[in-house]
Amino acid sequence: MSWQSYVDNLMADGSCQDAAIVGYTDAKYVWASSEGGTFSGITPDEIDVIVGKDREGFFTGGLTLGKKKCSVIRDSLPMEGDWTMDIRTKSHNGEPTYNVSIGRAGKGKSSGCKAIPMVSFKDMTLLAKVFIMPSVF
């Protein structure tokens, strides 16, 4: 299955508003995304903030994802066996907000593949997903 097919399957039942798969090492760009979604515009700088060493700055200052301002709720992205981050978009001019689950796959580790099915938007009532992948998976 291609990455785009994976995103299309996430979007198929209508319970997910947006989804993307992005690279976080050599190929820092959106590999696949829902058509016209906010996450299709995720930038390399935004990826750097999410996977960077500063794990505290975004709790106070937030972060952006596809130029959409977000608050970090929980950060377990660097924790082996979890590799997830939960964020919430911020409202602008009264628009609705939504929860976002970010999952990371480990480079060269078979256990890294578990980051994808572990992040379940149905269990957590999340409306969007972003997967961060190494260049070699």
Protein backbone atom coordinates (compact mmCIF):
# COMPACT_ATOMS: atom_id res chain seq x y z
CA MET A 1 0.00 0.00 0.00
CA SER A 2 1.32 3.44 -0.87
CA TRP A 3 1.48 6.24 1.71
CA GLN A 4 -1.25 8.09 -0.17
CA SER A 5 -3.46 4.98 -0.03
CA TYR A 6 -2.91 4.85 3.73
CA VAL A 7 -4.02 8.47 4.09
CA ASP A 8 -7.01 7.86 1.79
CA ASN A 9 -8.07 4.90 3.97
CA LEU A 10 -7.88 7.08 7.09
CA MET A 11 -10.13 9.65 5.45
CA ALA A 12 -12.60 7.17 3.91
CA ASP A 13 -15.09 6.81 6.78
CA GLY A 14 -15.37 10.55 7.42
CA SER A 15 -14.33 10.45 11.08
CA CYS A 16 -10.94 12.03 10.36
CA GLN A 17 -10.79 15.61 9.03
CA ASP A 18 -7.17 15.73 7.88
CA ALA A 19 -4.15 13.43 7.67
CA ALA A 20 -0.57 13.51 6.47
CA ILE A 21 2.59 11.44 6.42
CA VAL A 22 5.82 13.44 6.52
CA GLY A 23 9.53 12.62 6.57
CA TYR A 24 11.65 13.76 9.51
CA THR A 25 15.24 12.95 8.50
CA ASP A 26 16.68 13.53 5.03
CA ALA A 27 13.33 13.85 3.23
CA LYS A 28 11.62 16.52 5.38
CA TYR A 29 8.46 17.13 3.42
CA VAL A 30 4.87 15.88 3.14
CA TRP A 31 4.91 12.42 1.55
CA ALA A 32 1.13 12.02 1.44
CA SER A 33 -1.82 14.08 2.68
CA SER A 34 -5.55 14.52 2.41
CA GLU A 35 -6.44 16.68 -0.56
CA GLY A 36 -6.81 20.36 0.33
CA GLY A 37 -6.10 19.71 4.01
CA THR A 38 -4.11 21.95 6.34
CA PHE A 39 -1.47 19.26 6.78
CA SER A 40 -0.56 19.27 3.09
CA GLY A 41 1.28 22.51 3.92
CA ILE A 42 3.48 21.19 6.75
CA THR A 43 6.93 22.76 6.36
CA PRO A 44 10.43 21.42 7.13
CA ASP A 45 10.74 24.07 9.88
CA GLU A 46 7.54 22.78 11.52
CA ILE A 47 8.87 19.22 11.33
CA ASP A 48 12.12 20.36 12.98
CA VAL A 49 10.20 21.83 15.93
CA ILE A 50 8.18 18.64 16.43
CA VAL A 51 11.19 16.29 16.37
CA GLY A 52 13.72 18.75 17.84
CA LYS A 53 15.60 18.46 21.12
CA ASP A 54 13.70 21.31 22.83
CA ARG A 55 10.78 19.41 24.33
CA GLU A 56 9.60 22.29 26.57
CA GLY A 57 9.40 25.40 24.37
CA PHE A 58 6.26 24.35 22.55
CA PHE A 59 4.36 23.79 25.81
CA THR A 60 4.52 27.53 26.52
CA GLY A 61 4.71 28.96 22.99
CA GLY A 62 2.76 26.34 21.07
CA LEU A 63 3.72 25.21 17.59
CA THR A 64 2.37 25.42 14.07
CA LEU A 65 1.35 22.62 11.77
CA GLY A 66 0.56 23.58 8.20
CA LYS A 67 0.71 27.21 9.40
CA LYS A 68 -2.11 26.41 11.86
CA LYS A 69 -1.35 27.44 15.46
CA CYS A 70 -1.60 24.58 17.95
CA SER A 71 -1.22 23.89 21.67
CA VAL A 72 0.65 20.80 22.87
CA ILE A 73 -1.42 18.64 25.22
CA ARG A 74 0.90 15.66 25.67
CA ASP A 75 4.38 14.95 24.34
CA SER A 76 5.60 11.35 24.34
CA LEU A 77 7.11 11.57 20.84
CA PRO A 78 10.70 10.86 21.96
CA MET A 79 9.69 8.04 24.34
CA GLU A 80 10.52 4.58 23.06
CA GLY A 81 7.41 2.45 22.80
CA ASP A 82 5.04 5.43 22.67
CA TRP A 83 6.24 7.85 19.95
CA THR A 84 3.11 9.99 20.06
CA MET A 85 2.18 13.62 20.63
CA ASP A 86 -1.30 15.06 21.15
CA ILE A 87 -1.98 18.65 20.15
CA ARG A 88 -5.05 20.84 19.66
CA THR A 89 -5.53 23.54 17.06
CA LYS A 90 -6.20 27.07 18.28
CA SER A 91 -9.35 28.88 17.21
CA HIS A 92 -8.98 31.85 14.89
CA ASN A 93 -12.00 34.14 14.41
CA GLY A 94 -14.32 31.66 16.12
CA GLU A 95 -13.50 28.69 13.88
CA PRO A 96 -13.80 25.25 15.49
CA THR A 97 -10.73 23.58 16.98
CA TYR A 98 -9.76 19.94 16.64
CA ASN A 99 -7.43 17.43 18.25
CA VAL A 100 -4.43 16.11 16.37
CA SER A 101 -2.49 12.94 17.07
CA ILE A 102 1.11 12.78 15.84
CA GLY A 103 2.91 9.43 15.66
CA ARG A 104 6.57 8.78 14.85
CA ALA A 105 8.13 5.67 13.35
CA GLY A 106 11.67 4.78 14.41
CA LYS A 107 14.42 4.59 11.80
CA GLY A 108 15.63 1.06 11.20
CA LYS A 109 13.67 -0.42 14.09
CA SER A 110 11.01 -3.02 13.53
CA SER A 111 9.18 -1.69 16.60
CA GLY A 112 8.94 1.70 14.87
CA CYS A 113 6.25 0.28 12.62
CA LYS A 114 3.98 0.01 15.66
CA ALA A 115 3.71 3.80 15.91
CA ILE A 116 1.21 3.84 13.08
CA PRO A 117 -1.49 1.46 14.37
CA MET A 118 -0.90 2.59 17.97
CA VAL A 119 -2.31 6.03 17.27
CA SER A 120 -6.04 5.48 17.16
CA PHE A 121 -8.21 8.53 16.54
CA LYS A 122 -11.35 6.46 17.16
CA ASP A 123 -10.25 5.56 20.70
CA MET A 124 -9.22 9.13 21.49
CA THR A 125 -11.92 10.99 19.51
CA LEU A 126 -9.22 12.75 17.53
CA LEU A 127 -10.13 14.31 14.25
CA ALA A 128 -6.76 14.49 12.54
CA LYS A 129 -3.52 12.53 12.28
CA VAL A 130 0.04 13.21 11.27
CA PHE A 131 2.67 10.48 10.96
CA ILE A 132 6.34 11.40 11.02
CA MET A 133 8.50 8.88 9.20
CA PRO A 134 12.25 8.35 8.77
CA SER A 135 13.62 8.56 5.24
CA VAL A 136 14.33 4.83 5.21
CA PHE A 137 11.43 2.83 6.55
